[in-house]
Amino acid sequence: MKTLNSVGLFASNAPWTCRRCLQKQKKTISGAASFTTKVSRGYGKKRRKTPVVLTAATGTLGAGALFFTDDVKHYYAACERTGRVVSTLALCINDYRVALKRKTDDAQESTSLLKACHKRCAERTLSVLEKNGSIFIKLGQHLSSMNYLLPLEWTETFIPLQDKCPVSSYESIEAMFIKDTGHPVANLFDDFNKIPIGSASLAQVHIARMKETGQKVAVKVQHPVLEEWVPLDMALTRFTFATLKRFFPDYDLEWLSKEMEFSLPHELDFAEESKNALRAREYFKDFRDAPLVIPDVKWGLKRILVMEYISGHRPDDLSYIDSNGIDRDEVSAALSRIFNEMIFGEGAPLHCDPHGGNIAIRKNETRRRPNFDIILYDHGLYRDIPKQLKRDYARLWLAVIDADEAKMRKYAHEVAGINDEQFPLFASAITGRDYRVVTSSIVSSRSDHEKDEISGAMGDGMLLQLVQLLGQVPRIILLILKTNDLTRSLDENLHTRQGPVRTFMILARYCSRTVFEEQLEIIGQRGSFLWPSNVFYLLKAWGSHMRVEAKLSSYEYYLYLRRAFGYEAAL
């Protein structure tokens, strides 16, 4: 990746500073200039001082008034943002306390009262999120997808935030370019489209052409307003969840604000995102099991990222997929291989935000099979999974696929410190399935009855247990669970003929390979593979691995034959 200096665009790159500091620096510089002028005029011909003094005084007062006005506007807006959050939080806490204390003999009436309270509080909160904007939009979008954790009234009320992303004006983008690069947009690009092709809670994307090469590129720019409000908004988020924990200790969501506080600085640093993208591109360049495309990075700064322009269609655009002769089952299998490689591959980086907006499908006419590419965007949130955790996680999933409950419990404890009492809930959390299904056959599709059963269990008190469970598991496990949820959603939205059967087979193959590699490493630590005792252990490990491979290959061929003859997968 080229830096901006390496292509000769900057003479210098000033360090970042906040708007308040810049204004104070300007004020200091202005004072120094006036002092120098005054001293130099003390020599030579004597001048009348009154007009000069009056002019200087008027200029100083004017500048001070402008500074004071701008400063007051900032603090007023900060107080307004804080007031909205604090007042709404107080109203919601009081509303819930009254609703929970109200006693009635009619269970249906009690449920209706609580649902009405959920709805009132959700609508108040939505209003605050929309007015404050900034990272509050992102927080609301995240909460809207947490239907496994929040009441339906909350998640459904927040759904409009999914399509309510801010759009920064071109003037503010131009000012940010000048501040961050020292150049206006026109000096760096030709045909910079002032209207973004897409906008999200943290950034928006414009199409342009590189000034030097004429190459079409996508220019990702951070919303300039975030620089001013992120520190305050993160403090308000921390305060909100800490206050909720104080009044409702059983419903502790502080882990959510801590996770956001950890991940947000990474997502706001586009220079780090550019490194992640290049690393993932390098790792997958020779990966032949899936047609993954990652746009090349041209250059990146903290708030500006320039990449090659590659477009496609969302993975849930089934009309595009079907009209172009792309097999949905093959798309599902390719996605499964990509993200299993990220989880279990040695040295592989894990993309922790693979939702539908960060993935695209495009037709590839140069290949017969697969006849499509998968494009992966937004590389701001990446994590590396420790090797031992990969191996324990692989053993856990092998136990789940084999419905071996004893081993499930053992590796759940090693992976996330889960005890026997917490295990049923954890098993449902990592699979998205009813615990009774997990201990029988995980490869069947989720029925509507099973979904209703899970929702009912959440309403019967399991929700509090899940909140407490997610608050204690390691952060990396939370990100893996998030990735699992998002990839599971991608797969379900494709409505494949085979359901989850093939994706679980791919998962099993990766898990088996990971365990086999661990066994080879242990045998190698004992000495040469040619030692008689090591030969025995090697053959045993190889036989166990090949037994799994043979079972999976046989079943995959069986599914292929059923598909070829027009039958649905046997579930």
Protein backbone atom coordinates (compact mmCIF):
# COMPACT_ATOMS: atom_id res chain seq x y z
CA MET A 1 0.00 0.00 0.00
CA LYS A 2 1.27 3.43 -0.87
CA THR A 3 1.20 6.18 1.69
CA LEU A 4 0.28 9.66 0.61
CA ASN A 5 3.81 10.93 1.15
CA SER A 6 5.21 8.20 -1.07
CA VAL A 7 3.26 9.50 -4.06
CA GLY A 8 4.41 13.05 -3.45
CA LEU A 9 1.15 14.59 -2.31
CA PHE A 10 2.22 16.05 1.00
CA ALA A 11 5.08 18.25 2.08
CA SER A 12 4.10 17.65 5.72
CA ASN A 13 1.41 15.88 7.70
CA ALA A 14 0.31 17.81 10.78
CA PRO A 15 -0.63 15.77 13.86
CA TRP A 16 -4.31 15.40 14.67
CA THR A 17 -5.80 17.73 17.22
CA CYS A 18 -9.33 18.56 18.29
CA ARG A 19 -11.30 21.57 17.12
CA ARG A 20 -11.03 23.31 20.49
CA CYS A 21 -7.21 23.05 20.45
CA LEU A 22 -6.98 24.32 16.88
CA GLN A 23 -8.98 27.39 17.78
CA LYS A 24 -6.78 28.10 20.80
CA GLN A 25 -3.67 27.70 18.65
CA LYS A 26 -5.05 30.18 16.14
CA LYS A 27 -5.78 32.65 18.93
CA THR A 28 -2.21 32.35 20.26
CA ILE A 29 -0.70 32.81 16.80
CA SER A 30 -2.89 35.85 16.22
CA GLY A 31 -1.61 37.42 19.44
CA ALA A 32 2.03 36.78 18.50
CA ALA A 33 1.58 38.46 15.11
CA SER A 34 0.10 41.59 16.68
CA PHE A 35 3.04 41.84 19.11
CA THR A 36 5.60 41.62 16.31
CA THR A 37 3.84 44.33 14.31
CA LYS A 38 3.66 46.64 17.27
CA VAL A 39 7.39 46.36 18.04
CA SER A 40 8.45 46.89 14.44
CA ARG A 41 6.42 50.08 14.28
CA GLY A 42 8.27 51.56 17.26
CA TYR A 43 11.11 52.53 14.93
CA GLY A 44 11.08 55.13 12.19
CA LYS A 45 8.51 57.82 11.56
CA LYS A 46 6.04 58.49 14.37
CA ARG A 47 2.43 57.68 13.50
CA ARG A 48 -0.92 58.57 15.02
CA LYS A 49 -1.77 55.67 17.35
CA THR A 50 -5.49 56.19 17.91
CA PRO A 51 -6.86 54.74 14.62
CA VAL A 52 -4.42 51.82 14.82
CA VAL A 53 -5.33 51.05 18.42
CA LEU A 54 -9.05 51.31 17.69
CA THR A 55 -8.73 49.03 14.66
CA ALA A 56 -6.71 46.47 16.61
CA ALA A 57 -9.12 46.56 19.53
CA THR A 58 -12.11 46.13 17.25
CA GLY A 59 -10.46 43.18 15.46
CA THR A 60 -9.51 41.52 18.73
CA LEU A 61 -13.00 41.92 20.18
CA GLY A 62 -14.53 40.59 16.95
CA ALA A 63 -12.26 37.53 16.92
CA GLY A 64 -12.93 36.91 20.59
CA ALA A 65 -16.67 37.19 20.06
CA LEU A 66 -16.51 34.66 17.22
CA PHE A 67 -14.42 32.28 19.32
CA PHE A 68 -16.70 32.71 22.31
CA THR A 69 -19.81 32.18 20.18
CA ASP A 70 -18.44 29.01 18.58
CA ASP A 71 -17.33 27.69 21.95
CA VAL A 72 -20.71 28.41 23.49
CA LYS A 73 -22.45 26.62 20.61
CA HIS A 74 -20.32 23.53 21.20
CA TYR A 75 -20.97 23.41 24.94
CA TYR A 76 -24.66 24.13 24.46
CA ALA A 77 -24.94 21.26 21.96
CA ALA A 78 -23.00 18.99 24.36
CA CYS A 79 -25.40 19.87 27.20
CA GLU A 80 -28.36 19.27 24.90
CA ARG A 81 -27.07 15.82 23.86
CA THR A 82 -26.35 14.90 27.48
CA GLY A 83 -29.74 16.18 28.64
CA ARG A 84 -31.60 14.05 26.12
CA VAL A 85 -29.82 10.89 27.24
CA VAL A 86 -30.07 11.53 30.99
CA SER A 87 -33.71 12.65 30.99
CA THR A 88 -34.85 9.74 28.80
CA LEU A 89 -32.88 7.29 30.93
CA ALA A 90 -34.57 8.62 34.09
CA LEU A 91 -38.03 8.40 32.51
CA CYS A 92 -37.46 4.83 31.33
CA ILE A 93 -36.08 3.64 34.67
CA ASN A 94 -39.05 5.12 36.50
CA ASP A 95 -41.47 3.66 33.95
CA TYR A 96 -40.05 0.17 34.41
CA ARG A 97 -39.97 0.41 38.18
CA VAL A 98 -43.66 1.36 38.25
CA ALA A 99 -44.60 -1.35 35.73
CA LEU A 100 -42.67 -4.08 37.56
CA LYS A 101 -44.09 -3.13 40.96
CA ARG A 102 -47.68 -3.11 39.74
CA LYS A 103 -49.30 -6.37 40.87
CA THR A 104 -52.26 -8.01 39.21
CA ASP A 105 -53.81 -11.44 39.44
CA ASP A 106 -54.33 -11.60 35.69
CA ALA A 107 -51.14 -12.87 34.04
CA GLN A 108 -52.26 -11.69 30.60
CA GLU A 109 -52.89 -8.18 31.90
CA SER A 110 -49.47 -8.15 33.58
CA THR A 111 -47.81 -9.17 30.32
CA SER A 112 -49.72 -6.51 28.39
CA LEU A 113 -48.66 -3.81 30.88
CA LEU A 114 -45.00 -4.82 30.56
CA LYS A 115 -45.18 -4.92 26.75
CA ALA A 116 -46.69 -1.43 26.74
CA CYS A 117 -43.84 -0.24 28.96
CA HIS A 118 -41.31 -1.82 26.57
CA LYS A 119 -42.90 0.01 23.66
CA ARG A 120 -43.01 3.43 25.40
CA CYS A 121 -39.39 3.22 26.49
CA ALA A 122 -38.23 1.97 23.10
CA GLU A 123 -39.94 4.87 21.31
CA ARG A 124 -38.42 7.42 23.72
CA THR A 125 -34.98 5.91 23.19
CA LEU A 126 -35.40 5.84 19.40
CA SER A 127 -36.11 9.58 19.44
CA VAL A 128 -32.88 10.23 21.37
CA LEU A 129 -30.80 8.02 19.06
CA GLU A 130 -32.14 9.80 15.98
CA LYS A 131 -31.62 13.30 17.38
CA ASN A 132 -28.11 12.68 18.72
CA GLY A 133 -26.95 10.70 15.68
CA SER A 134 -23.22 9.91 15.65
CA ILE A 135 -22.43 6.53 17.21
CA PHE A 136 -25.92 6.35 18.71
CA ILE A 137 -27.20 5.30 15.26
CA LYS A 138 -24.68 2.44 15.23
CA LEU A 139 -25.67 1.43 18.75
CA GLY A 140 -29.34 1.38 17.75
CA GLN A 141 -28.60 -0.69 14.65
CA HIS A 142 -26.74 -3.21 16.79
CA LEU A 143 -29.57 -3.38 19.32
CA SER A 144 -32.16 -3.89 16.56
CA SER A 145 -30.45 -7.16 15.60
CA MET A 146 -30.33 -8.49 19.17
CA ASN A 147 -33.75 -10.16 19.06
CA TYR A 148 -32.28 -13.07 21.05
CA LEU A 149 -31.56 -10.70 23.94
CA LEU A 150 -34.02 -7.80 23.89
CA PRO A 151 -37.83 -7.74 23.96
CA LEU A 152 -39.51 -7.68 20.55
CA GLU A 153 -40.91 -4.20 21.23
CA TRP A 154 -37.36 -2.84 21.43
CA THR A 155 -35.86 -4.59 18.40
CA GLU A 156 -38.81 -3.85 16.10
CA THR A 157 -38.91 -0.19 17.15
CA PHE A 158 -35.21 0.18 16.26
CA ILE A 159 -35.53 -1.42 12.80
CA PRO A 160 -35.93 1.99 11.00
CA LEU A 161 -32.37 2.83 12.12
CA GLN A 162 -31.06 0.16 9.74
CA ASP A 163 -31.93 2.45 6.82
CA LYS A 164 -31.47 5.77 8.64
CA CYS A 165 -27.78 6.46 8.11
CA PRO A 166 -26.47 10.06 8.10
CA VAL A 167 -25.07 11.66 4.95
CA SER A 168 -22.34 14.26 5.42
CA SER A 169 -22.34 17.28 3.12
CA TYR A 170 -19.73 17.57 0.39
CA GLU A 171 -18.53 20.86 1.96
CA SER A 172 -17.71 19.08 5.23
CA ILE A 173 -15.91 16.30 3.31
CA GLU A 174 -13.87 18.89 1.40
CA ALA A 175 -12.90 20.61 4.66
CA MET A 176 -11.84 17.26 6.14
CA PHE A 177 -9.67 16.48 3.09
CA ILE A 178 -7.90 19.84 3.41
CA LYS A 179 -7.35 19.32 7.13
CA ASP A 180 -6.16 15.69 6.87
CA THR A 181 -4.21 15.78 3.59
CA GLY A 182 -3.41 19.45 3.04
CA HIS A 183 -5.09 19.24 -0.37
CA PRO A 184 -8.62 19.85 -1.71
CA VAL A 185 -10.40 16.90 -3.28
CA ALA A 186 -9.80 18.20 -6.82
CA ASN A 187 -6.01 17.92 -6.34
CA LEU A 188 -6.27 14.22 -5.58
CA PHE A 189 -9.12 12.96 -7.76
CA ASP A 190 -10.88 13.55 -11.05
CA ASP A 191 -14.64 13.07 -11.36
CA PHE A 192 -15.23 12.88 -7.61
CA ASN A 193 -18.96 12.14 -7.30
CA LYS A 194 -20.29 14.50 -4.65
CA ILE A 195 -23.27 12.23 -3.94
CA PRO A 196 -22.20 9.09 -2.02
CA ILE A 197 -23.17 5.68 -3.42
CA GLY A 198 -23.68 4.41 0.12
CA SER A 199 -23.73 5.67 3.67
CA ALA A 200 -23.40 3.91 7.03
CA SER A 201 -23.38 5.07 10.63
CA LEU A 202 -19.63 5.82 10.65
CA ALA A 203 -18.75 6.58 7.03
CA GLN A 204 -19.92 7.07 3.47
CA VAL A 205 -18.46 6.03 0.11
CA HIS A 206 -17.93 8.16 -3.02
CA ILE A 207 -16.85 7.08 -6.49
CA ALA A 208 -13.90 8.93 -8.04
CA ARG A 209 -10.96 8.54 -10.42
CA MET A 210 -7.33 8.75 -9.33
CA LYS A 211 -5.66 11.93 -10.53
CA GLU A 212 -2.44 10.19 -11.57
CA THR A 213 -3.72 6.95 -13.14
CA GLY A 214 -7.37 7.57 -13.97
CA GLN A 215 -8.33 4.35 -12.16
CA LYS A 216 -11.87 4.20 -10.82
CA VAL A 217 -11.81 4.00 -7.03
CA ALA A 218 -14.11 3.95 -4.03
CA VAL A 219 -13.29 6.67 -1.51
CA LYS A 220 -14.47 5.84 2.01
CA VAL A 221 -14.68 8.91 4.21
CA GLN A 222 -15.56 9.11 7.88
CA HIS A 223 -18.39 11.43 8.90
CA PRO A 224 -16.52 14.59 10.02
CA VAL A 225 -18.93 15.20 12.91
CA LEU A 226 -17.72 12.04 14.68
CA GLU A 227 -14.44 13.73 15.59
CA GLU A 228 -16.32 16.21 17.74
CA TRP A 229 -18.81 13.91 19.47
CA VAL A 230 -17.41 10.37 19.82
CA PRO A 231 -15.67 10.92 23.21
CA LEU A 232 -18.79 12.43 24.76
CA ASP A 233 -21.13 9.87 23.19
CA MET A 234 -19.02 6.94 24.42
CA ALA A 235 -19.06 8.43 27.93
CA LEU A 236 -22.85 8.73 27.75
CA THR A 237 -23.12 5.11 26.57
CA ARG A 238 -20.98 3.92 29.48
CA PHE A 239 -23.05 5.99 31.90
CA THR A 240 -26.33 4.62 30.53
CA PHE A 241 -25.43 0.94 30.86
CA ALA A 242 -23.77 1.45 34.27
CA THR A 243 -26.92 3.21 35.53
CA LEU A 244 -29.16 0.44 34.19
CA LYS A 245 -27.00 -2.11 35.98
CA ARG A 246 -27.34 -0.17 39.24
CA PHE A 247 -31.15 -0.10 39.11
CA PHE A 248 -31.61 -3.52 37.47
CA PRO A 249 -28.57 -5.61 38.54
CA ASP A 250 -29.97 -8.83 37.08
CA TYR A 251 -30.11 -7.28 33.63
CA ASP A 252 -26.45 -6.35 33.21
CA LEU A 253 -25.64 -5.11 29.70
CA GLU A 254 -22.42 -3.34 30.64
CA TRP A 255 -20.47 -5.87 28.58
CA LEU A 256 -22.15 -4.38 25.50
CA SER A 257 -20.79 -0.88 26.14
CA LYS A 258 -17.35 -2.32 26.97
CA GLU A 259 -17.30 -4.25 23.71
CA MET A 260 -18.35 -1.12 21.82
CA GLU A 261 -15.69 0.93 23.60
CA PHE A 262 -13.08 -1.64 22.55
CA SER A 263 -14.18 -2.06 18.93
CA LEU A 264 -15.14 1.51 17.98
CA PRO A 265 -11.59 2.99 17.96
CA HIS A 266 -10.55 0.20 15.58
CA GLU A 267 -13.51 0.81 13.30
CA LEU A 268 -12.80 4.56 13.25
CA ASP A 269 -9.15 4.10 12.23
CA PHE A 270 -9.16 3.63 8.46
CA ALA A 271 -5.37 3.32 8.40
CA GLU A 272 -5.77 0.17 10.51
CA GLU A 273 -8.59 -0.99 8.25
CA SER A 274 -6.30 -0.67 5.22
CA LYS A 275 -3.73 -2.93 6.92
CA ASN A 276 -6.44 -5.49 7.75
CA ALA A 277 -7.68 -5.50 4.15
CA LEU A 278 -4.19 -5.99 2.74
CA ARG A 279 -3.47 -8.75 5.24
CA ALA A 280 -6.68 -10.62 4.41
CA ARG A 281 -6.04 -10.13 0.68
CA GLU A 282 -2.55 -11.60 1.04
CA TYR A 283 -3.81 -14.56 3.12
CA PHE A 284 -6.55 -15.51 0.65
CA LYS A 285 -4.71 -14.80 -2.61
CA ASP A 286 -3.97 -18.53 -3.15
CA PHE A 287 -7.11 -19.82 -1.43
CA ARG A 288 -8.79 -22.02 -4.04
CA ASP A 289 -11.74 -23.30 -2.01
CA ALA A 290 -13.76 -20.11 -2.37
CA PRO A 291 -13.85 -17.26 -4.94
CA LEU A 292 -13.09 -14.43 -2.50
CA VAL A 293 -12.28 -10.94 -3.79
CA ILE A 294 -10.99 -8.16 -1.51
CA PRO A 295 -10.60 -4.70 -3.10
CA ASP A 296 -7.00 -3.50 -3.25
CA VAL A 297 -6.08 -0.54 -1.06
CA LYS A 298 -4.48 2.47 -2.78
CA TRP A 299 -3.82 4.56 0.31
CA GLY A 300 -5.36 5.20 3.67
CA LEU A 301 -5.33 7.71 6.51
CA LYS A 302 -7.19 7.71 9.80
CA ARG A 303 -10.38 9.14 8.28
CA ILE A 304 -9.94 8.53 4.53
CA LEU A 305 -9.52 5.20 2.71
CA VAL A 306 -9.10 4.80 -1.06
CA MET A 307 -9.70 1.35 -2.62
CA GLU A 308 -10.21 -0.06 -6.08
CA TYR A 309 -13.87 0.08 -7.07
CA ILE A 310 -15.50 -3.35 -7.22
CA SER A 311 -19.28 -3.60 -7.17
CA GLY A 312 -21.74 -6.44 -6.71
CA HIS A 313 -25.16 -7.33 -5.33
CA ARG A 314 -26.18 -8.15 -1.78
CA PRO A 315 -26.18 -11.88 -0.94
CA ASP A 316 -29.91 -11.70 -0.19
CA ASP A 317 -30.67 -10.35 -3.70
CA LEU A 318 -32.07 -13.71 -4.79
CA SER A 319 -33.51 -12.39 -8.06
CA TYR A 320 -30.00 -11.35 -9.21
CA ILE A 321 -28.50 -14.67 -8.10
CA ASP A 322 -31.18 -16.77 -9.82
CA SER A 323 -31.36 -14.70 -13.03
CA ASN A 324 -27.60 -15.06 -13.52
CA GLY A 325 -27.60 -18.82 -13.08
CA ILE A 326 -25.71 -18.71 -9.78
CA ASP A 327 -26.34 -21.70 -7.51
CA ARG A 328 -27.50 -20.54 -4.07
CA ASP A 329 -26.12 -23.71 -2.47
CA GLU A 330 -22.68 -22.96 -3.93
CA VAL A 331 -22.81 -19.39 -2.59
CA SER A 332 -23.71 -20.76 0.84
CA ALA A 333 -20.87 -23.29 0.70
CA ALA A 334 -18.36 -20.64 -0.41
CA LEU A 335 -19.35 -18.30 2.45
CA SER A 336 -19.03 -21.20 4.89
CA ARG A 337 -15.52 -22.06 3.66
CA ILE A 338 -14.36 -18.44 3.83
CA PHE A 339 -15.45 -17.81 7.40
CA ASN A 340 -14.44 -21.24 8.67
CA GLU A 341 -11.00 -20.60 7.18
CA MET A 342 -10.90 -17.29 9.07
CA ILE A 343 -11.79 -19.03 12.33
CA PHE A 344 -9.68 -22.20 12.05
CA GLY A 345 -6.92 -21.34 9.54
CA GLU A 346 -3.47 -20.89 11.04
CA GLY A 347 -2.53 -17.20 10.98
CA ALA A 348 -5.90 -16.26 9.42
CA PRO A 349 -7.49 -12.93 10.39
CA LEU A 350 -11.15 -13.05 11.48
CA HIS A 351 -13.55 -10.52 9.93
CA CYS A 352 -15.96 -9.81 12.82
CA ASP A 353 -18.71 -7.92 10.98
CA PRO A 354 -19.87 -10.07 8.02
CA HIS A 355 -23.41 -8.74 7.63
CA GLY A 356 -25.22 -8.46 4.29
CA GLY A 357 -24.06 -4.88 3.69
CA ASN A 358 -20.39 -5.89 3.86
CA ILE A 359 -20.65 -8.76 1.35
CA ALA A 360 -21.50 -8.69 -2.35
CA ILE A 361 -21.98 -11.29 -5.09
CA ARG A 362 -21.04 -10.72 -8.73
CA LYS A 363 -21.18 -12.94 -11.81
CA ASN A 364 -17.79 -14.16 -13.07
CA GLU A 365 -17.91 -15.04 -16.75
CA THR A 366 -14.28 -16.25 -16.85
CA ARG A 367 -14.98 -19.34 -14.72
CA ARG A 368 -17.45 -22.15 -15.19
CA ARG A 369 -17.52 -23.28 -11.58
CA PRO A 370 -18.03 -21.43 -9.43
CA ASN A 371 -19.40 -18.80 -11.79
CA PHE A 372 -19.42 -16.02 -9.18
CA ASP A 373 -17.17 -13.98 -6.90
CA ILE A 374 -17.76 -13.06 -3.27
CA ILE A 375 -16.62 -9.51 -2.50
CA LEU A 376 -15.77 -8.66 1.10
CA TYR A 377 -15.86 -5.03 2.29
CA ASP A 378 -15.33 -3.13 5.56
CA HIS A 379 -12.25 -4.55 7.26
CA GLY A 380 -12.29 -2.30 10.30
CA LEU A 381 -13.01 -4.95 12.94
CA TYR A 382 -10.60 -7.89 12.81
CA ARG A 383 -9.36 -10.24 15.52
CA ASP A 384 -6.83 -13.05 15.78
CA ILE A 385 -7.97 -16.21 17.56
CA PRO A 386 -5.29 -17.89 19.74
CA LYS A 387 -4.20 -21.29 18.43
CA GLN A 388 -5.33 -23.28 21.49
CA LEU A 389 -8.72 -21.60 21.43
CA LYS A 390 -9.13 -22.60 17.76
CA ARG A 391 -8.39 -26.21 18.70
CA ASP A 392 -10.72 -26.33 21.71
CA TYR A 393 -13.43 -24.62 19.67
CA ALA A 394 -12.96 -27.23 16.91
CA ARG A 395 -13.33 -30.08 19.42
CA LEU A 396 -16.45 -28.41 20.82
CA TRP A 397 -18.09 -28.27 17.38
CA LEU A 398 -17.13 -31.88 16.60
CA ALA A 399 -18.85 -32.88 19.83
CA VAL A 400 -21.92 -30.81 18.84
CA ILE A 401 -22.08 -32.41 15.39
CA ASP A 402 -21.69 -35.88 16.96
CA ALA A 403 -24.32 -34.97 19.64
CA ASP A 404 -21.78 -36.04 22.29
CA GLU A 405 -23.04 -34.11 25.32
CA ALA A 406 -20.21 -35.11 27.68
CA LYS A 407 -17.56 -33.74 25.33
CA MET A 408 -19.69 -30.67 24.60
CA ARG A 409 -19.68 -29.81 28.31
CA LYS A 410 -15.94 -30.45 28.62
CA TYR A 411 -14.92 -28.19 25.74
CA ALA A 412 -17.50 -25.52 26.56
CA HIS A 413 -15.69 -25.14 29.87
CA GLU A 414 -12.27 -25.00 28.18
CA VAL A 415 -13.42 -22.52 25.53
CA ALA A 416 -15.46 -20.10 27.66
CA GLY A 417 -15.38 -21.27 31.30
CA ILE A 418 -18.97 -22.57 31.07
CA ASN A 419 -20.19 -24.71 33.98
CA ASP A 420 -22.77 -27.52 33.81
CA GLU A 421 -25.61 -25.25 34.87
CA GLN A 422 -24.85 -22.71 32.14
CA PHE A 423 -24.13 -25.28 29.43
CA PRO A 424 -27.64 -25.74 27.94
CA LEU A 425 -27.96 -21.99 27.38
CA PHE A 426 -24.43 -21.69 25.96
CA ALA A 427 -25.07 -24.60 23.56
CA SER A 428 -28.16 -22.80 22.27
CA ALA A 429 -26.23 -19.51 22.00
CA ILE A 430 -23.42 -20.88 19.80
CA THR A 431 -25.73 -22.91 17.55
CA GLY A 432 -28.85 -20.74 17.51
CA ARG A 433 -30.84 -23.91 18.18
CA ASP A 434 -33.01 -25.40 20.91
CA TYR A 435 -30.88 -27.36 23.41
CA ARG A 436 -32.90 -30.53 22.79
CA VAL A 437 -32.03 -30.30 19.10
CA VAL A 438 -28.34 -29.71 19.90
CA THR A 439 -28.20 -32.98 21.86
CA SER A 440 -29.93 -34.96 19.09
CA SER A 441 -29.24 -33.71 15.54
CA ILE A 442 -27.93 -30.24 14.79
CA VAL A 443 -28.00 -30.58 10.98
CA SER A 444 -31.78 -30.28 10.62
CA SER A 445 -33.32 -26.96 9.58
CA ARG A 446 -34.92 -24.71 12.18
CA SER A 447 -38.68 -25.08 12.15
CA ASP A 448 -41.11 -22.31 13.04
CA HIS A 449 -42.11 -24.35 16.08
CA GLU A 450 -38.50 -24.42 17.28
CA LYS A 451 -38.19 -20.65 16.83
CA ASP A 452 -41.37 -20.15 18.85
CA GLU A 453 -40.05 -22.47 21.56
CA ILE A 454 -36.83 -20.42 21.85
CA SER A 455 -38.77 -17.14 21.99
CA GLY A 456 -41.04 -18.59 24.66
CA ALA A 457 -38.09 -19.74 26.73
CA MET A 458 -36.62 -16.25 26.57
CA GLY A 459 -39.85 -14.83 27.87
CA ASP A 460 -39.94 -17.36 30.71
CA GLY A 461 -36.81 -16.09 32.41
CA MET A 462 -33.99 -17.53 30.31
CA LEU A 463 -33.28 -14.02 28.99
CA LEU A 464 -31.71 -12.89 32.27
CA GLN A 465 -29.51 -16.00 32.32
CA LEU A 466 -28.34 -15.26 28.77
CA VAL A 467 -27.49 -11.64 29.67
CA GLN A 468 -25.42 -12.83 32.64
CA LEU A 469 -23.76 -15.54 30.54
CA LEU A 470 -22.69 -13.13 27.78
CA GLY A 471 -21.33 -10.79 30.43
CA GLN A 472 -18.82 -13.35 31.67
CA VAL A 473 -17.51 -15.07 28.52
CA PRO A 474 -14.20 -13.79 27.02
CA ARG A 475 -14.46 -10.93 24.52
CA ILE A 476 -13.05 -13.04 21.68
CA ILE A 477 -15.86 -15.57 22.23
CA LEU A 478 -18.42 -12.75 21.96
CA LEU A 479 -16.96 -11.80 18.58
CA ILE A 480 -16.97 -15.42 17.40
CA LEU A 481 -20.61 -15.74 18.50
CA LYS A 482 -21.40 -12.52 16.63
CA THR A 483 -19.71 -13.86 13.49
CA ASN A 484 -21.62 -17.15 13.86
CA ASP A 485 -24.94 -15.30 14.15
CA LEU A 486 -24.25 -13.13 11.10
CA THR A 487 -23.07 -16.00 8.88
CA ARG A 488 -26.03 -18.13 10.00
CA SER A 489 -28.34 -15.28 9.02
CA LEU A 490 -26.63 -14.99 5.61
CA ASP A 491 -27.14 -18.69 5.02
CA GLU A 492 -30.81 -18.67 6.06
CA ASN A 493 -31.52 -15.67 3.79
CA LEU A 494 -30.24 -17.62 0.78
CA HIS A 495 -33.03 -20.23 1.23
CA THR A 496 -30.85 -23.06 -0.07
CA ARG A 497 -32.20 -26.45 -1.11
CA GLN A 498 -29.98 -28.29 1.37
CA GLY A 499 -30.65 -26.16 4.44
CA PRO A 500 -27.81 -26.17 6.99
CA VAL A 501 -26.65 -29.72 6.15
CA ARG A 502 -23.80 -28.80 3.81
CA THR A 503 -22.55 -25.88 5.91
CA PHE A 504 -22.29 -28.18 8.94
CA MET A 505 -20.38 -30.69 6.82
CA ILE A 506 -17.90 -27.98 5.81
CA LEU A 507 -17.59 -26.93 9.45
CA ALA A 508 -16.97 -30.56 10.48
CA ARG A 509 -14.22 -30.89 7.87
CA TYR A 510 -12.43 -27.78 9.17
CA CYS A 511 -12.77 -28.95 12.78
CA SER A 512 -11.43 -32.41 11.93
CA ARG A 513 -8.46 -30.89 10.10
CA THR A 514 -7.69 -28.59 13.04
CA VAL A 515 -7.74 -31.47 15.55
CA PHE A 516 -5.57 -33.63 13.23
CA GLU A 517 -2.98 -30.84 12.93
CA GLU A 518 -2.89 -30.56 16.73
CA GLN A 519 -2.29 -34.32 17.04
CA LEU A 520 0.53 -34.14 14.48
CA GLU A 521 2.14 -31.35 16.48
CA ILE A 522 1.94 -33.37 19.71
CA ILE A 523 3.43 -36.44 18.02
CA GLY A 524 6.23 -34.32 16.53
CA GLN A 525 7.15 -33.03 19.99
CA ARG A 526 7.88 -36.62 21.08
CA GLY A 527 10.53 -37.06 18.41
CA SER A 528 10.75 -38.37 14.86
CA PHE A 529 7.61 -39.62 13.15
CA LEU A 530 9.58 -42.78 12.24
CA TRP A 531 9.92 -43.93 15.85
CA PRO A 532 7.80 -47.09 16.36
CA SER A 533 5.66 -45.54 19.11
CA ASN A 534 5.13 -42.38 17.06
CA VAL A 535 4.22 -44.39 13.97
CA PHE A 536 1.41 -46.01 15.98
CA TYR A 537 0.07 -42.66 17.20
CA LEU A 538 0.44 -41.17 13.71
CA LEU A 539 -1.57 -43.98 12.11
CA LYS A 540 -4.21 -43.67 14.84
CA ALA A 541 -4.57 -39.90 14.32
CA TRP A 542 -4.58 -40.27 10.54
CA GLY A 543 -7.17 -43.08 10.69
CA SER A 544 -9.47 -41.00 12.91
CA HIS A 545 -9.17 -38.01 10.58
CA MET A 546 -9.74 -40.07 7.42
CA ARG A 547 -12.75 -41.79 8.97
CA VAL A 548 -14.41 -38.37 9.38
CA GLU A 549 -13.34 -37.36 5.87
CA ALA A 550 -14.77 -40.56 4.36
CA LYS A 551 -18.10 -40.10 6.14
CA LEU A 552 -18.34 -36.49 5.04
CA SER A 553 -17.33 -37.23 1.43
CA SER A 554 -19.85 -40.07 1.17
CA TYR A 555 -22.66 -37.94 2.52
CA GLU A 556 -21.68 -35.00 0.30
CA TYR A 557 -21.82 -37.27 -2.76
CA TYR A 558 -25.22 -38.54 -1.62
CA LEU A 559 -26.48 -34.94 -1.39
CA TYR A 560 -25.05 -34.21 -4.84
CA LEU A 561 -26.98 -37.13 -6.35
CA ARG A 562 -30.21 -36.05 -4.65
CA ARG A 563 -29.73 -32.51 -5.94
CA ALA A 564 -28.95 -33.79 -9.44
CA PHE A 565 -32.23 -35.73 -9.50
CA GLY A 566 -34.22 -32.79 -8.11
CA TYR A 567 -34.73 -34.00 -4.54
CA GLU A 568 -34.47 -31.83 -1.45
CA ALA A 569 -31.76 -32.63 1.10
CA ALA A 570 -32.61 -35.31 3.63
CA LEU A 571 -32.77 -33.53 6.97
